[in-house]
N, C-alpha and C. Protein backbone atom coordinates (compact mmCIF):
# COMPACT_ATOMS: atom_id res chain seq x y z
N MET A 1 112.73 131.25 106.50
CA MET A 1 113.59 130.61 105.51
C MET A 1 113.25 129.13 105.36
N ARG A 2 112.95 128.49 106.45
CA ARG A 2 112.66 127.06 106.41
C ARG A 2 111.40 126.76 105.60
N GLN A 3 110.39 127.62 105.72
CA GLN A 3 109.16 127.42 104.98
C GLN A 3 109.42 127.54 103.47
N TRP A 4 110.27 128.45 103.05
CA TRP A 4 110.60 128.59 101.64
C TRP A 4 111.26 127.33 101.11
N GLN A 5 112.17 126.74 101.89
CA GLN A 5 112.85 125.52 101.46
C GLN A 5 111.86 124.38 101.31
N THR A 6 110.92 124.25 102.24
CA THR A 6 109.93 123.19 102.16
C THR A 6 109.04 123.39 100.95
N SER A 7 108.60 124.61 100.72
CA SER A 7 107.76 124.91 99.57
C SER A 7 108.50 124.62 98.26
N TRP A 8 109.76 125.00 98.19
CA TRP A 8 110.57 124.77 96.99
C TRP A 8 110.72 123.27 96.74
N ALA A 9 110.98 122.50 97.81
CA ALA A 9 111.16 121.05 97.66
C ALA A 9 109.85 120.39 97.24
N ASN A 10 108.74 120.83 97.83
CA ASN A 10 107.45 120.25 97.47
C ASN A 10 107.10 120.52 96.01
N LYS A 11 107.37 121.71 95.53
CA LYS A 11 107.09 122.03 94.13
C LYS A 11 107.88 121.13 93.19
N HIS A 12 109.13 120.87 93.54
CA HIS A 12 109.95 120.02 92.69
C HIS A 12 109.51 118.56 92.77
N LEU A 13 109.13 118.10 93.94
CA LEU A 13 108.64 116.73 94.06
C LEU A 13 107.34 116.54 93.29
N VAL A 14 106.46 117.50 93.36
CA VAL A 14 105.20 117.44 92.61
C VAL A 14 105.49 117.44 91.12
N PHE A 15 106.42 118.26 90.67
CA PHE A 15 106.78 118.31 89.26
C PHE A 15 107.34 116.96 88.80
N ILE A 16 108.23 116.36 89.58
CA ILE A 16 108.81 115.06 89.24
C ILE A 16 107.73 113.99 89.20
N PHE A 17 106.82 114.02 90.17
CA PHE A 17 105.72 113.05 90.21
C PHE A 17 104.83 113.20 88.98
N ARG A 18 104.54 114.44 88.57
CA ARG A 18 103.72 114.67 87.39
C ARG A 18 104.40 114.16 86.12
N ILE A 19 105.70 114.33 86.02
CA ILE A 19 106.45 113.82 84.87
C ILE A 19 106.37 112.30 84.82
N ILE A 20 106.53 111.65 85.96
CA ILE A 20 106.49 110.18 86.02
C ILE A 20 105.10 109.67 85.63
N VAL A 21 104.06 110.25 86.21
CA VAL A 21 102.69 109.82 85.89
C VAL A 21 102.37 110.08 84.42
N GLY A 22 102.77 111.22 83.92
CA GLY A 22 102.57 111.52 82.50
C GLY A 22 103.29 110.53 81.60
N GLY A 23 104.50 110.16 81.99
CA GLY A 23 105.26 109.17 81.22
C GLY A 23 104.58 107.82 81.20
N VAL A 24 103.99 107.43 82.32
CA VAL A 24 103.27 106.16 82.39
C VAL A 24 102.08 106.18 81.42
N PHE A 25 101.32 107.27 81.42
CA PHE A 25 100.17 107.37 80.52
C PHE A 25 100.61 107.38 79.06
N ILE A 26 101.69 108.07 78.75
CA ILE A 26 102.18 108.11 77.37
C ILE A 26 102.62 106.72 76.92
N LEU A 27 103.37 106.02 77.76
CA LEU A 27 103.81 104.67 77.40
C LEU A 27 102.64 103.71 77.25
N ALA A 28 101.65 103.81 78.15
CA ALA A 28 100.47 102.95 78.05
C ALA A 28 99.69 103.24 76.77
N GLY A 29 99.53 104.51 76.44
CA GLY A 29 98.82 104.87 75.22
C GLY A 29 99.54 104.42 73.97
N ILE A 30 100.85 104.60 73.95
CA ILE A 30 101.63 104.18 72.77
C ILE A 30 101.58 102.67 72.60
N SER A 31 101.66 101.93 73.72
CA SER A 31 101.61 100.47 73.61
C SER A 31 100.26 100.01 73.06
N LYS A 32 99.18 100.74 73.39
CA LYS A 32 97.87 100.39 72.85
C LYS A 32 97.73 100.82 71.39
N LEU A 33 98.36 101.93 71.01
CA LEU A 33 98.30 102.38 69.62
C LEU A 33 99.05 101.43 68.69
N VAL A 34 100.11 100.82 69.18
CA VAL A 34 100.90 99.91 68.36
C VAL A 34 100.17 98.57 68.18
N THR A 35 99.37 98.21 69.17
CA THR A 35 98.61 96.96 69.10
C THR A 35 97.47 97.11 68.09
N PRO A 36 97.23 96.09 67.27
CA PRO A 36 96.09 96.18 66.33
C PRO A 36 94.77 96.39 67.09
N LEU A 37 93.89 97.18 66.51
CA LEU A 37 92.62 97.53 67.15
C LEU A 37 91.80 96.30 67.50
N GLU A 38 91.78 95.31 66.63
CA GLU A 38 90.98 94.10 66.87
C GLU A 38 91.48 93.36 68.11
N GLU A 39 92.79 93.34 68.30
CA GLU A 39 93.36 92.68 69.47
C GLU A 39 92.99 93.42 70.76
N PHE A 40 93.05 94.74 70.71
CA PHE A 40 92.68 95.52 71.89
C PHE A 40 91.19 95.39 72.18
N ILE A 41 90.36 95.32 71.14
CA ILE A 41 88.92 95.12 71.33
C ILE A 41 88.68 93.78 72.00
N ALA A 42 89.40 92.74 71.58
CA ALA A 42 89.23 91.41 72.19
C ALA A 42 89.61 91.44 73.67
N VAL A 43 90.68 92.13 74.00
CA VAL A 43 91.09 92.23 75.41
C VAL A 43 90.05 93.00 76.21
N ALA A 44 89.59 94.14 75.68
CA ALA A 44 88.59 94.94 76.37
C ALA A 44 87.26 94.19 76.49
N GLU A 45 86.95 93.37 75.50
CA GLU A 45 85.72 92.57 75.54
C GLU A 45 85.78 91.53 76.65
N SER A 46 86.97 91.02 76.94
CA SER A 46 87.11 90.03 78.01
C SER A 46 86.87 90.64 79.39
N TRP A 47 86.95 91.96 79.50
CA TRP A 47 86.66 92.62 80.78
C TRP A 47 85.16 92.64 81.05
N GLU A 48 84.34 92.46 80.00
CA GLU A 48 82.87 92.43 80.09
C GLU A 48 82.29 93.69 80.73
N ILE A 49 82.84 94.84 80.37
CA ILE A 49 82.32 96.11 80.87
C ILE A 49 81.44 96.77 79.82
N LEU A 50 81.89 96.77 78.58
CA LEU A 50 81.17 97.39 77.47
C LEU A 50 80.92 96.35 76.39
N SER A 51 79.97 96.65 75.50
CA SER A 51 79.73 95.76 74.37
C SER A 51 79.30 96.57 73.16
N GLY A 52 79.35 95.94 72.01
CA GLY A 52 78.89 96.55 70.78
C GLY A 52 79.65 97.79 70.36
N PRO A 53 78.92 98.79 69.87
CA PRO A 53 79.59 100.00 69.37
C PRO A 53 80.31 100.77 70.47
N TRP A 54 79.86 100.65 71.72
CA TRP A 54 80.55 101.33 72.82
C TRP A 54 81.95 100.76 73.00
N LEU A 55 82.08 99.47 72.83
CA LEU A 55 83.39 98.83 72.98
C LEU A 55 84.34 99.30 71.89
N THR A 56 83.86 99.39 70.67
CA THR A 56 84.70 99.85 69.56
C THR A 56 85.13 101.30 69.78
N ALA A 57 84.19 102.14 70.21
CA ALA A 57 84.52 103.54 70.47
C ALA A 57 85.54 103.65 71.60
N TYR A 58 85.35 102.84 72.64
CA TYR A 58 86.28 102.83 73.77
C TYR A 58 87.68 102.42 73.32
N ALA A 59 87.74 101.34 72.55
CA ALA A 59 89.04 100.83 72.09
C ALA A 59 89.73 101.82 71.16
N TRP A 60 88.97 102.60 70.44
CA TRP A 60 89.56 103.57 69.54
C TRP A 60 89.98 104.84 70.27
N LEU A 61 89.20 105.28 71.27
CA LEU A 61 89.47 106.54 71.96
C LEU A 61 90.47 106.44 73.10
N LEU A 62 90.49 105.33 73.82
CA LEU A 62 91.33 105.23 75.01
C LEU A 62 92.82 105.50 74.75
N PRO A 63 93.43 104.87 73.75
CA PRO A 63 94.87 105.15 73.54
C PRO A 63 95.15 106.61 73.24
N TRP A 64 94.29 107.26 72.46
CA TRP A 64 94.51 108.67 72.13
C TRP A 64 94.30 109.55 73.35
N THR A 65 93.39 109.15 74.23
CA THR A 65 93.16 109.90 75.45
C THR A 65 94.38 109.79 76.38
N GLU A 66 94.98 108.63 76.43
CA GLU A 66 96.15 108.43 77.28
C GLU A 66 97.36 109.20 76.77
N VAL A 67 97.49 109.25 75.47
CA VAL A 67 98.64 109.98 74.90
C VAL A 67 98.36 111.45 74.99
């Protein structure tokens, strides 16, 4: 009986954790979608990870991927 209770509690904790993490990604994606693309490109450009057309593709795809 004790093992069933632990398994049941773990499943619910994992479900709650997944909802929280999913909510964080949805909020992050929506905040990027609301921001003008040029502004997000400027921010991503300051990270100096990507440049040129890759940066534009990244800035366009990332918010949709998060949502």
